[in-house]
PDB file of all heavy atoms in Angstrom:
ATOM      1  N   ALA A   1      11.822   7.901   9.867  1.00  0.00           N
ATOM      2  CA  ALA A   1      11.719   9.363   9.945  1.00  0.00           C
ATOM      3  C   ALA A   1      12.997  10.030   9.443  1.00  0.00           C
ATOM      4  O   ALA A   1      12.951  11.059   8.752  1.00  0.00           O
ATOM      5  CB  ALA A   1      11.418   9.790  11.375  1.00  0.00           C
ATOM      6  N   PHE A   2      14.152   9.446   9.794  1.00  0.00           N
ATOM      7  CA  PHE A   2      15.417  10.003   9.323  1.00  0.00           C
ATOM      8  C   PHE A   2      15.493   9.950   7.803  1.00  0.00           C
ATOM      9  O   PHE A   2      15.880  10.939   7.157  1.00  0.00           O
ATOM     10  CB  PHE A   2      16.592   9.229   9.933  1.00  0.00           C
ATOM     11  CG  PHE A   2      17.918   9.608   9.343  1.00  0.00           C
ATOM     12  CD1 PHE A   2      18.550  10.781   9.732  1.00  0.00           C
ATOM     13  CD2 PHE A   2      18.522   8.809   8.379  1.00  0.00           C
ATOM     14  CE1 PHE A   2      19.775  11.152   9.163  1.00  0.00           C
ATOM     15  CE2 PHE A   2      19.740   9.168   7.813  1.00  0.00           C
ATOM     16  CZ  PHE A   2      20.361  10.340   8.206  1.00  0.00           C
ATOM     17  N   GLN A   3      15.123   8.834   7.207  1.00  0.00           N
ATOM     18  CA  GLN A   3      15.193   8.730   5.747  1.00  0.00           C
ATOM     19  C   GLN A   3      14.184   9.643   5.066  1.00  0.00           C
ATOM     20  O   GLN A   3      14.468  10.201   4.001  1.00  0.00           O
ATOM     21  CB  GLN A   3      15.003   7.278   5.312  1.00  0.00           C
ATOM     22  CG  GLN A   3      16.186   6.374   5.625  1.00  0.00           C
ATOM     23  CD  GLN A   3      17.428   6.719   4.813  1.00  0.00           C
ATOM     24  OE1 GLN A   3      17.402   7.545   3.908  1.00  0.00           O
ATOM     25  NE2 GLN A   3      18.541   6.085   5.141  1.00  0.00           N
ATOM     26  N   TYR A   4      13.025   9.839   5.682  1.00  0.00           N
ATOM     27  CA  TYR A   4      12.080  10.821   5.123  1.00  0.00           C
ATOM     28  C   TYR A   4      12.646  12.234   5.253  1.00  0.00           C
ATOM     29  O   TYR A   4      12.416  13.089   4.396  1.00  0.00           O
ATOM     30  CB  TYR A   4      10.708  10.707   5.789  1.00  0.00           C
ATOM     31  CG  TYR A   4       9.775   9.762   5.065  1.00  0.00           C
ATOM     32  CD1 TYR A   4       9.112   8.741   5.736  1.00  0.00           C
ATOM     33  CD2 TYR A   4       9.549   9.895   3.691  1.00  0.00           C
ATOM     34  CE1 TYR A   4       8.262   7.873   5.071  1.00  0.00           C
ATOM     35  CE2 TYR A   4       8.690   9.031   3.021  1.00  0.00           C
ATOM     36  CZ  TYR A   4       8.056   8.027   3.708  1.00  0.00           C
ATOM     37  OH  TYR A   4       7.213   7.167   3.035  1.00  0.00           O
ATOM     38  N   TRP A   5      13.412  12.493   6.338  1.00  0.00           N
ATOM     39  CA  TRP A   5      14.065  13.798   6.441  1.00  0.00           C
ATOM     40  C   TRP A   5      15.083  13.979   5.313  1.00  0.00           C
ATOM     41  O   TRP A   5      15.158  15.054   4.704  1.00  0.00           O
ATOM     42  CB  TRP A   5      14.775  13.955   7.793  1.00  0.00           C
ATOM     43  CG  TRP A   5      15.664  15.161   7.793  1.00  0.00           C
ATOM     44  CD1 TRP A   5      15.275  16.470   7.929  1.00  0.00           C
ATOM     45  CD2 TRP A   5      17.087  15.186   7.574  1.00  0.00           C
ATOM     46  NE1 TRP A   5      16.364  17.304   7.808  1.00  0.00           N
ATOM     47  CE2 TRP A   5      17.483  16.540   7.585  1.00  0.00           C
ATOM     48  CE3 TRP A   5      18.042  14.205   7.372  1.00  0.00           C
ATOM     49  CZ2 TRP A   5      18.814  16.925   7.407  1.00  0.00           C
ATOM     50  CZ3 TRP A   5      19.363  14.582   7.195  1.00  0.00           C
ATOM     51  CH2 TRP A   5      19.731  15.931   7.219  1.00  0.00           C
ATOM     52  N   VAL A   6      15.857  12.947   5.008  1.00  0.00           N
ATOM     53  CA  VAL A   6      16.817  13.035   3.900  1.00  0.00           C
ATOM     54  C   VAL A   6      16.096  13.373   2.607  1.00  0.00           C
ATOM     55  O   VAL A   6      16.505  14.272   1.861  1.00  0.00           O
ATOM     56  CB  VAL A   6      17.602  11.709   3.762  1.00  0.00           C
ATOM     57  CG1 VAL A   6      18.436  11.712   2.468  1.00  0.00           C
ATOM     58  CG2 VAL A   6      18.512  11.488   4.967  1.00  0.00           C
ATOM     59  N   LEU A   7      15.001  12.675   2.336  1.00  0.00           N
ATOM     60  CA  LEU A   7      14.247  12.925   1.106  1.00  0.00           C
ATOM     61  C   LEU A   7      13.645  14.320   1.097  1.00  0.00           C
ATOM     62  O   LEU A   7      13.656  15.004   0.066  1.00  0.00           O
ATOM     63  CB  LEU A   7      13.150  11.869   0.949  1.00  0.00           C
ATOM     64  CG  LEU A   7      13.630  10.445   0.656  1.00  0.00           C
ATOM     65  CD1 LEU A   7      12.477   9.458   0.808  1.00  0.00           C
ATOM     66  CD2 LEU A   7      14.225  10.355  -0.744  1.00  0.00           C
ATOM     67  N   MET A   8      13.114  14.767   2.232  1.00  0.00           N
ATOM     68  CA  MET A   8      12.543  16.106   2.318  1.00  0.00           C
ATOM     69  C   MET A   8      13.610  17.169   2.120  1.00  0.00           C
ATOM     70  O   MET A   8      13.400  18.164   1.411  1.00  0.00           O
ATOM     71  CB  MET A   8      11.869  16.305   3.679  1.00  0.00           C
ATOM     72  CG  MET A   8      11.287  17.702   3.891  1.00  0.00           C
ATOM     73  SD  MET A   8      10.646  17.948   5.556  1.00  0.00           S
ATOM     74  CE  MET A   8      12.154  17.881   6.508  1.00  0.00           C
ATOM     75  N   ASP A   9      14.764  16.977   2.736  1.00  0.00           N
ATOM     76  CA  ASP A   9      15.842  17.951   2.667  1.00  0.00           C
ATOM     77  C   ASP A   9      16.370  18.096   1.243  1.00  0.00           C
ATOM     78  O   ASP A   9      16.589  19.205   0.771  1.00  0.00           O
ATOM     79  CB  ASP A   9      16.968  17.527   3.610  1.00  0.00           C
ATOM     80  CG  ASP A   9      18.110  18.534   3.639  1.00  0.00           C
ATOM     81  OD1 ASP A   9      17.863  19.703   3.976  1.00  0.00           O
ATOM     82  OD2 ASP A   9      19.250  18.141   3.332  1.00  0.00           O
ATOM     83  N   LEU A  10      16.546  16.985   0.547  1.00  0.00           N
ATOM     84  CA  LEU A  10      17.175  17.023  -0.764  1.00  0.00           C
ATOM     85  C   LEU A  10      16.190  17.084  -1.927  1.00  0.00           C
ATOM     86  O   LEU A  10      16.450  17.766  -2.922  1.00  0.00           O
ATOM     87  CB  LEU A  10      18.102  15.814  -0.944  1.00  0.00           C
ATOM     88  CG  LEU A  10      19.491  15.969  -0.311  1.00  0.00           C
ATOM     89  CD1 LEU A  10      19.459  15.681   1.177  1.00  0.00           C
ATOM     90  CD2 LEU A  10      20.505  15.050  -0.979  1.00  0.00           C
ATOM     91  N   PHE A  11      15.074  16.343  -1.813  1.00  0.00           N
ATOM     92  CA  PHE A  11      14.152  16.232  -2.940  1.00  0.00           C
ATOM     93  C   PHE A  11      12.830  16.960  -2.715  1.00  0.00           C
ATOM     94  O   PHE A  11      12.066  17.128  -3.658  1.00  0.00           O
ATOM     95  CB  PHE A  11      13.882  14.761  -3.261  1.00  0.00           C
ATOM     96  CG  PHE A  11      15.116  13.995  -3.660  1.00  0.00           C
ATOM     97  CD1 PHE A  11      15.812  13.247  -2.717  1.00  0.00           C
ATOM     98  CD2 PHE A  11      15.577  14.017  -4.958  1.00  0.00           C
ATOM     99  CE1 PHE A  11      16.953  12.534  -3.068  1.00  0.00           C
ATOM    100  CE2 PHE A  11      16.710  13.311  -5.328  1.00  0.00           C
ATOM    101  CZ  PHE A  11      17.411  12.572  -4.385  1.00  0.00           C
ATOM    102  N   GLY A  12      12.549  17.327  -1.480  1.00  0.00           N
ATOM    103  CA  GLY A  12      11.392  18.162  -1.191  1.00  0.00           C
ATOM    104  C   GLY A  12      10.079  17.429  -1.073  1.00  0.00           C
ATOM    105  O   GLY A  12       9.449  17.432  -0.016  1.00  0.00           O
ATOM    106  N   ASN A  13       9.651  16.784  -2.166  1.00  0.00           N
ATOM    107  CA  ASN A  13       8.271  16.297  -2.269  1.00  0.00           C
ATOM    108  C   ASN A  13       8.222  14.847  -2.765  1.00  0.00           C
ATOM    109  O   ASN A  13       7.731  14.573  -3.859  1.00  0.00           O
ATOM    110  CB  ASN A  13       7.490  17.193  -3.234  1.00  0.00           C
ATOM    111  CG  ASN A  13       7.693  18.669  -2.940  1.00  0.00           C
ATOM    112  OD1 ASN A  13       7.238  19.176  -1.920  1.00  0.00           O
ATOM    113  ND2 ASN A  13       8.391  19.360  -3.830  1.00  0.00           N
ATOM    114  N   PRO A  14       8.704  13.905  -1.971  1.00  0.00           N
ATOM    115  CA  PRO A  14       8.773  12.514  -2.435  1.00  0.00           C
ATOM    116  C   PRO A  14       7.429  11.806  -2.311  1.00  0.00           C
ATOM    117  O   PRO A  14       6.488  12.324  -1.706  1.00  0.00           O
ATOM    118  CB  PRO A  14       9.787  11.905  -1.463  1.00  0.00           C
ATOM    119  CG  PRO A  14       9.519  12.635  -0.182  1.00  0.00           C
ATOM    120  CD  PRO A  14       9.221  14.052  -0.602  1.00  0.00           C
ATOM    121  N   PRO A  15       7.324  10.596  -2.862  1.00  0.00           N
ATOM    122  CA  PRO A  15       6.158   9.772  -2.558  1.00  0.00           C
ATOM    123  C   PRO A  15       6.179   9.376  -1.091  1.00  0.00           C
ATOM    124  O   PRO A  15       7.233   9.375  -0.454  1.00  0.00           O
ATOM    125  CB  PRO A  15       6.347   8.551  -3.473  1.00  0.00           C
ATOM    126  CG  PRO A  15       7.806   8.502  -3.765  1.00  0.00           C
ATOM    127  CD  PRO A  15       8.275   9.925  -3.763  1.00  0.00           C
ATOM    128  N   PHE A  16       5.009   9.018  -0.586  1.00  0.00           N
ATOM    129  CA  PHE A  16       4.904   8.783   0.861  1.00  0.00           C
ATOM    130  C   PHE A  16       4.068   7.544   1.126  1.00  0.00           C
ATOM    131  O   PHE A  16       2.951   7.402   0.625  1.00  0.00           O
ATOM    132  CB  PHE A  16       4.262   9.991   1.537  1.00  0.00           C
ATOM    133  CG  PHE A  16       4.102   9.848   3.025  1.00  0.00           C
ATOM    134  CD1 PHE A  16       5.201   9.991   3.870  1.00  0.00           C
ATOM    135  CD2 PHE A  16       2.866   9.560   3.578  1.00  0.00           C
ATOM    136  CE1 PHE A  16       5.064   9.844   5.241  1.00  0.00           C
ATOM    137  CE2 PHE A  16       2.718   9.421   4.952  1.00  0.00           C
ATOM    138  CZ  PHE A  16       3.826   9.565   5.779  1.00  0.00           C
ATOM    139  N   VAL A  17       4.619   6.640   1.909  1.00  0.00           N
ATOM    140  CA  VAL A  17       3.899   5.437   2.306  1.00  0.00           C
ATOM    141  C   VAL A  17       4.436   4.988   3.654  1.00  0.00           C
ATOM    142  O   VAL A  17       5.623   5.160   3.958  1.00  0.00           O
ATOM    143  CB  VAL A  17       4.051   4.325   1.246  1.00  0.00           C
ATOM    144  CG1 VAL A  17       5.498   3.862   1.126  1.00  0.00           C
ATOM    145  CG2 VAL A  17       3.140   3.145   1.528  1.00  0.00           C
ATOM    146  N   THR A  18       3.579   4.434   4.500  1.00  0.00           N
ATOM    147  CA  THR A  18       3.982   3.933   5.808  1.00  0.00           C
ATOM    148  C   THR A  18       3.503   2.492   5.964  1.00  0.00           C
ATOM    149  O   THR A  18       2.920   1.908   5.034  1.00  0.00           O
ATOM    150  CB  THR A  18       3.410   4.781   6.957  1.00  0.00           C
ATOM    151  OG1 THR A  18       1.993   4.550   7.058  1.00  0.00           O
ATOM    152  CG2 THR A  18       3.682   6.260   6.727  1.00  0.00           C
ATOM    153  N   ASP A  19       3.702   1.934   7.144  1.00  0.00           N
ATOM    154  CA  ASP A  19       3.238   0.573   7.415  1.00  0.00           C
ATOM    155  C   ASP A  19       1.727   0.477   7.399  1.00  0.00           C
ATOM    156  O   ASP A  19       1.170  -0.629   7.291  1.00  0.00           O
ATOM    157  CB  ASP A  19       3.761   0.111   8.770  1.00  0.00           C
ATOM    158  CG  ASP A  19       3.328   1.041   9.893  1.00  0.00           C
ATOM    159  OD1 ASP A  19       3.827   2.181   9.942  1.00  0.00           O
ATOM    160  OD2 ASP A  19       2.501   0.655  10.728  1.00  0.00           O
ATOM    161  N   ALA A  20       1.033   1.629   7.470  1.00  0.00           N
ATOM    162  CA  ALA A  20      -0.426   1.605   7.452  1.00  0.00           C
ATOM    163  C   ALA A  20      -0.983   1.334   6.059  1.00  0.00           C
ATOM    164  O   ALA A  20      -2.150   0.961   5.916  1.00  0.00           O
ATOM    165  CB  ALA A  20      -0.976   2.933   7.974  1.00  0.00           C
ATOM    166  N   ASN A  21      -0.167   1.523   5.019  1.00  0.00           N
ATOM    167  CA  ASN A  21      -0.612   1.273   3.655  1.00  0.00           C
ATOM    168  C   ASN A  21      -0.548  -0.221   3.343  1.00  0.00           C
ATOM    169  O   ASN A  21       0.450  -0.879   3.637  1.00  0.00           O
ATOM    170  CB  ASN A  21       0.256   2.028   2.650  1.00  0.00           C
ATOM    171  CG  ASN A  21       0.183   3.530   2.837  1.00  0.00           C
ATOM    172  OD1 ASN A  21       0.925   4.104   3.623  1.00  0.00           O
ATOM    173  ND2 ASN A  21      -0.713   4.171   2.106  1.00  0.00           N
ATOM    174  N   ALA A  22      -1.611  -0.728   2.745  1.00  0.00           N
ATOM    175  CA  ALA A  22      -1.610  -2.127   2.326  1.00  0.00           C
ATOM    176  C   ALA A  22      -0.552  -2.336   1.250  1.00  0.00           C
ATOM    177  O   ALA A  22      -0.378  -1.504   0.355  1.00  0.00           O
ATOM    178  CB  ALA A  22      -2.986  -2.519   1.795  1.00  0.00           C
ATOM    179  N   VAL A  23       0.167  -3.445   1.351  1.00  0.00           N
ATOM    180  CA  VAL A  23       1.263  -3.699   0.429  1.00  0.00           C
ATOM    181  C   VAL A  23       0.740  -3.833  -0.993  1.00  0.00           C
ATOM    182  O   VAL A  23      -0.158  -4.618  -1.269  1.00  0.00           O
ATOM    183  CB  VAL A  23       2.019  -4.983   0.836  1.00  0.00           C
ATOM    184  CG1 VAL A  23       3.090  -5.310  -0.192  1.00  0.00           C
ATOM    185  CG2 VAL A  23       2.646  -4.799   2.206  1.00  0.00           C
ATOM    186  N   GLY A  24       1.304  -3.042  -1.909  1.00  0.00           N
ATOM    187  CA  GLY A  24       0.968  -3.141  -3.322  1.00  0.00           C
ATOM    188  C   GLY A  24      -0.434  -2.700  -3.660  1.00  0.00           C
ATOM    189  O   GLY A  24      -0.941  -2.997  -4.746  1.00  0.00           O
ATOM    190  N   SER A  25      -1.102  -1.958  -2.748  1.00  0.00           N
ATOM    191  CA  SER A  25      -2.509  -1.619  -2.960  1.00  0.00           C
ATOM    192  C   SER A  25      -2.704  -0.530  -3.994  1.00  0.00           C
ATOM    193  O   SER A  25      -3.709  -0.502  -4.698  1.00  0.00           O
ATOM    194  CB  SER A  25      -3.150  -1.183  -1.637  1.00  0.00           C
ATOM    195  OG  SER A  25      -2.462  -0.052  -1.103  1.00  0.00           O
ATOM    196  N   ALA A  26      -1.760   0.391  -4.106  1.00  0.00           N
ATOM    197  CA  ALA A  26      -1.918   1.515  -5.018  1.00  0.00           C
ATOM    198  C   ALA A  26      -0.578   2.191  -5.199  1.00  0.00           C
ATOM    199  O   ALA A  26       0.366   1.972  -4.426  1.00  0.00           O
ATOM    200  CB  ALA A  26      -2.945   2.518  -4.462  1.00  0.00           C
ATOM    201  N   LEU A  27      -0.502   3.034  -6.218  1.00  0.00           N
ATOM    202  CA  LEU A  27       0.689   3.836  -6.403  1.00  0.00           C
ATOM    203  C   LEU A  27       0.826   4.795  -5.230  1.00  0.00           C
ATOM    204  O   LEU A  27      -0.158   5.419  -4.824  1.00  0.00           O
ATOM    205  CB  LEU A  27       0.607   4.625  -7.715  1.00  0.00           C
ATOM    206  CG  LEU A  27       0.621   3.809  -9.011  1.00  0.00           C
ATOM    207  CD1 LEU A  27       0.291   4.712 -10.195  1.00  0.00           C
ATOM    208  CD2 LEU A  27       1.969   3.150  -9.212  1.00  0.00           C
ATOM    209  N   PRO A  28       2.023   4.939  -4.665  1.00  0.00           N
ATOM    210  CA  PRO A  28       2.189   5.848  -3.521  1.00  0.00           C
ATOM    211  C   PRO A  28       1.838   7.282  -3.906  1.00  0.00           C
ATOM    212  O   PRO A  28       2.256   7.765  -4.960  1.00  0.00           O
ATOM    213  CB  PRO A  28       3.671   5.724  -3.185  1.00  0.00           C
ATOM    214  CG  PRO A  28       4.093   4.414  -3.760  1.00  0.00           C
ATOM    215  CD  PRO A  28       3.269   4.235  -4.991  1.00  0.00           C
ATOM    216  N   PRO A  29       1.086   7.974  -3.068  1.00  0.00           N
ATOM    217  CA  PRO A  29       0.803   9.378  -3.335  1.00  0.00           C
ATOM    218  C   PRO A  29       2.031  10.240  -3.071  1.00  0.00           C
ATOM    219  O   PRO A  29       2.940   9.838  -2.337  1.00  0.00           O
ATOM    220  CB  PRO A  29      -0.312   9.704  -2.346  1.00  0.00           C
ATOM    221  CG  PRO A  29      -0.055   8.759  -1.202  1.00  0.00           C
ATOM    222  CD  PRO A  29       0.469   7.501  -1.822  1.00  0.00           C
ATOM    223  N   GLN A  30       2.048  11.417  -3.672  1.00  0.00           N
ATOM    224  CA  GLN A  30       3.138  12.358  -3.418  1.00  0.00           C
ATOM    225  C   GLN A  30       2.777  13.239  -2.236  1.00  0.00           C
ATOM    226  O   GLN A  30       1.630  13.665  -2.095  1.00  0.00           O
ATOM    227  CB  GLN A  30       3.396  13.219  -4.657  1.00  0.00           C
ATOM    228  CG  GLN A  30       4.600  14.137  -4.543  1.00  0.00           C
ATOM    229  CD  GLN A  30       4.946  14.788  -5.880  1.00  0.00           C
ATOM    230  OE1 GLN A  30       4.098  14.958  -6.744  1.00  0.00           O
ATOM    231  NE2 GLN A  30       6.211  15.151  -6.052  1.00  0.00           N
ATOM    232  N   THR A  31       3.734  13.481  -1.383  1.00  0.00           N
ATOM    233  CA  THR A  31       3.530  14.420  -0.289  1.00  0.00           C
ATOM    234  C   THR A  31       4.195  15.740  -0.647  1.00  0.00           C
ATOM    235  O   THR A  31       4.884  15.846  -1.667  1.00  0.00           O
ATOM    236  CB  THR A  31       4.096  13.870   1.031  1.00  0.00           C
ATOM    237  OG1 THR A  31       3.704  14.721   2.104  1.00  0.00           O
ATOM    238  CG2 THR A  31       5.613  13.766   0.992  1.00  0.00           C
ATOM    239  N   ASP A  32       3.969  16.756   0.163  1.00  0.00           N
ATOM    240  CA  ASP A  32       4.658  18.029  -0.018  1.00  0.00           C
ATOM    241  C   ASP A  32       5.560  18.270   1.179  1.00  0.00           C
ATOM    242  O   ASP A  32       5.419  17.621   2.221  1.00  0.00           O
ATOM    243  CB  ASP A  32       3.667  19.184  -0.190  1.00  0.00           C
ATOM    244  CG  ASP A  32       2.796  19.391   1.038  1.00  0.00           C
ATOM    245  OD1 ASP A  32       3.248  20.085   1.976  1.00  0.00           O
ATOM    246  OD2 ASP A  32       1.678  18.855   1.071  1.00  0.00           O
ATOM    247  N   ARG A  33       6.465  19.211   1.033  1.00  0.00           N
ATOM    248  CA  ARG A  33       7.515  19.396   2.031  1.00  0.00           C
ATOM    249  C   ARG A  33       6.958  19.744   3.408  1.00  0.00           C
ATOM    250  O   ARG A  33       7.416  19.210   4.420  1.00  0.00           O
ATOM    251  CB  ARG A  33       8.466  20.503   1.557  1.00  0.00           C
ATOM    252  CG  ARG A  33       9.926  20.216   1.845  1.00  0.00           C
ATOM    253  CD  ARG A  33      10.810  21.276   1.267  1.00  0.00           C
ATOM    254  NE  ARG A  33      12.216  20.877   1.326  1.00  0.00           N
ATOM    255  CZ  ARG A  33      13.230  21.678   1.034  1.00  0.00           C
ATOM    256  NH1 ARG A  33      12.992  22.929   0.649  1.00  0.00           N
ATOM    257  NH2 ARG A  33      14.466  21.242   1.115  1.00  0.00           N
ATOM    258  N   LYS A  34       5.980  20.623   3.452  1.00  0.00           N
ATOM    259  CA  LYS A  34       5.441  21.029   4.748  1.00  0.00           C
ATOM    260  C   LYS A  34       4.704  19.881   5.429  1.00  0.00           C
ATOM    261  O   LYS A  34       4.840  19.659   6.639  1.00  0.00           O
ATOM    262  CB  LYS A  34       4.507  22.233   4.583  1.00  0.00           C
ATOM    263  CG  LYS A  34       4.020  22.807   5.901  1.00  0.00           C
ATOM    264  CD  LYS A  34       3.249  24.104   5.699  1.00  0.00           C
ATOM    265  CE  LYS A  34       2.835  24.709   7.035  1.00  0.00           C
ATOM    266  NZ  LYS A  34       2.116  26.006   6.848  1.00  0.00           N
ATOM    267  N   THR A  35       3.921  19.136   4.654  1.00  0.00           N
ATOM    268  CA  THR A  35       3.211  17.989   5.216  1.00  0.00           C
ATOM    269  C   THR A  35       4.185  16.948   5.724  1.00  0.00           C
ATOM    270  O   THR A  35       4.000  16.356   6.802  1.00  0.00           O
ATOM    271  CB  THR A  35       2.284  17.372   4.158  1.00  0.00           C
ATOM    272  OG1 THR A  35       1.326  18.350   3.736  1.00  0.00           O
ATOM    273  CG2 THR A  35       1.552  16.157   4.700  1.00  0.00           C
ATOM    274  N   LEU A  36       5.262  16.716   4.972  1.00  0.00           N
ATOM    275  CA  LEU A  36       6.259  15.738   5.389  1.00  0.00           C
ATOM    276  C   LEU A  36       6.992  16.205   6.639  1.00  0.00           C
ATOM    277  O   LEU A  36       7.292  15.410   7.538  1.00  0.00           O
ATOM    278  CB  LEU A  36       7.243  15.472   4.253  1.00  0.00           C
ATOM    279  CG  LEU A  36       8.233  14.317   4.458  1.00  0.00           C
ATOM    280  CD1 LEU A  36       7.524  13.029   4.850  1.00  0.00           C
ATOM    281  CD2 LEU A  36       9.073  14.116   3.207  1.00  0.00           C
ATOM    282  N   PHE A  37       7.277  17.506   6.723  1.00  0.00           N
ATOM    283  CA  PHE A  37       7.877  18.067   7.937  1.00  0.00           C
ATOM    284  C   PHE A  37       6.999  17.744   9.142  1.00  0.00           C
ATOM    285  O   PHE A  37       7.482  17.283  10.183  1.00  0.00           O
ATOM    286  CB  PHE A  37       8.040  19.577   7.785  1.00  0.00           C
ATOM    287  CG  PHE A  37       8.563  20.268   9.016  1.00  0.00           C
ATOM    288  CD1 PHE A  37       9.906  20.575   9.151  1.00  0.00           C
ATOM    289  CD2 PHE A  37       7.709  20.637  10.055  1.00  0.00           C
ATOM    290  CE1 PHE A  37      10.398  21.209  10.282  1.00  0.00           C
ATOM    291  CE2 PHE A  37       8.184  21.274  11.197  1.00  0.00           C
ATOM    292  CZ  PHE A  37       9.534  21.568  11.305  1.00  0.00           C
ATOM    293  N   ASN A  38       5.705  17.988   9.011  1.00  0.00           N
ATOM    294  CA  ASN A  38       4.790  17.752  10.128  1.00  0.00           C
ATOM    295  C   ASN A  38       4.749  16.274  10.509  1.00  0.00           C
ATOM    296  O   ASN A  38       4.663  15.919  11.691  1.00  0.00           O
ATOM    297  CB  ASN A  38       3.392  18.245   9.773  1.00  0.00           C
ATOM    298  CG  ASN A  38       3.320  19.763   9.670  1.00  0.00           C
ATOM    299  OD1 ASN A  38       4.138  20.468  10.253  1.00  0.00           O
ATOM    300  ND2 ASN A  38       2.359  20.261   8.914  1.00  0.00           N
ATOM    301  N   TYR A  39       4.812  15.399   9.492  1.00  0.00           N
ATOM    302  CA  TYR A  39       4.819  13.968   9.782  1.00  0.00           C
ATOM    303  C   TYR A  39       6.088  13.579  10.543  1.00  0.00           C
ATOM    304  O   TYR A  39       6.015  12.858  11.549  1.00  0.00           O
ATOM    305  CB  TYR A  39       4.727  13.160   8.482  1.00  0.00           C
ATOM    306  CG  TYR A  39       5.062  11.703   8.694  1.00  0.00           C
ATOM    307  CD1 TYR A  39       4.128  10.819   9.234  1.00  0.00           C
ATOM    308  CD2 TYR A  39       6.331  11.207   8.397  1.00  0.00           C
ATOM    309  CE1 TYR A  39       4.447   9.487   9.468  1.00  0.00           C
ATOM    310  CE2 TYR A  39       6.657   9.873   8.621  1.00  0.00           C
ATOM    311  CZ  TYR A  39       5.711   9.023   9.153  1.00  0.00           C
ATOM    312  OH  TYR A  39       6.039   7.709   9.389  1.00  0.00           O
ATOM    313  N   ILE A  40       7.232  14.010  10.060  1.00  0.00           N
ATOM    314  CA  ILE A  40       8.494  13.664  10.723  1.00  0.00           C
ATOM    315  C   ILE A  40       8.495  14.165  12.161  1.00  0.00           C
ATOM    316  O   ILE A  40       8.862  13.439  13.093  1.00  0.00           O
ATOM    317  CB  ILE A  40       9.684  14.243   9.939  1.00  0.00           C
ATOM    318  CG1 ILE A  40       9.772  13.605   8.551  1.00  0.00           C
ATOM    319  CG2 ILE A  40      10.988  14.048  10.699  1.00  0.00           C
ATOM    320  CD1 ILE A  40      10.720  14.330   7.607  1.00  0.00           C
ATOM    321  N   GLU A  41       8.056  15.396  12.351  1.00  0.00           N
ATOM    322  CA  GLU A  41       7.998  15.965  13.701  1.00  0.00           C
ATOM    323  C   GLU A  41       7.089  15.134  14.600  1.00  0.00           C
ATOM    324  O   GLU A  41       7.474  14.761  15.724  1.00  0.00           O
ATOM    325  CB  GLU A  41       7.485  17.406  13.621  1.00  0.00           C
ATOM    326  CG  GLU A  41       7.320  18.070  14.975  1.00  0.00           C
ATOM    327  CD  GLU A  41       6.633  19.430  14.884  1.00  0.00           C
ATOM    328  OE1 GLU A  41       5.876  19.654  13.913  1.00  0.00           O
ATOM    329  OE2 GLU A  41       6.850  20.256  15.788  1.00  0.00           O
ATOM    330  N   SER A  42       5.890  14.827  14.127  1.00  0.00           N
ATOM    331  CA  SER A  42       4.933  14.092  14.958  1.00  0.00           C
ATOM    332  C   SER A  42       5.409  12.665  15.224  1.00  0.00           C
ATOM    333  O   SER A  42       5.224  12.136  16.331  1.00  0.00           O
ATOM    334  CB  SER A  42       3.552  14.081  14.298  1.00  0.00           C
ATOM    335  OG  SER A  42       3.587  13.398  13.054  1.00  0.00           O
ATOM    336  N   GLU A  43       6.034  12.042  14.222  1.00  0.00           N
ATOM    337  CA  GLU A  43       6.519  10.672  14.401  1.00  0.00           C
ATOM    338  C   GLU A  43       7.640  10.618  15.433  1.00  0.00           C
ATOM    339  O   GLU A  43       7.680   9.721  16.287  1.00  0.00           O
ATOM    340  CB  GLU A  43       6.991  10.133  13.040  1.00  0.00           C
ATOM    341  CG  GLU A  43       7.434   8.692  13.055  1.00  0.00           C
ATOM    342  CD  GLU A  43       6.296   7.687  13.151  1.00  0.00           C
ATOM    343  OE1 GLU A  43       5.129   8.104  13.389  1.00  0.00           O
ATOM    344  OE2 GLU A  43       6.575   6.486  13.002  1.00  0.00           O
TER     345      GLU A  43
END
């Protein structure tokens, strides 16, 4: 969550993947700043 906060703070809209994603299954989707904020808060 801290590292996602760093990415959100500086880069805004990074790719997003968690342990729930199968390894190497697909290209990581891009998230947006507000969605990432909500994820960090909830996590």
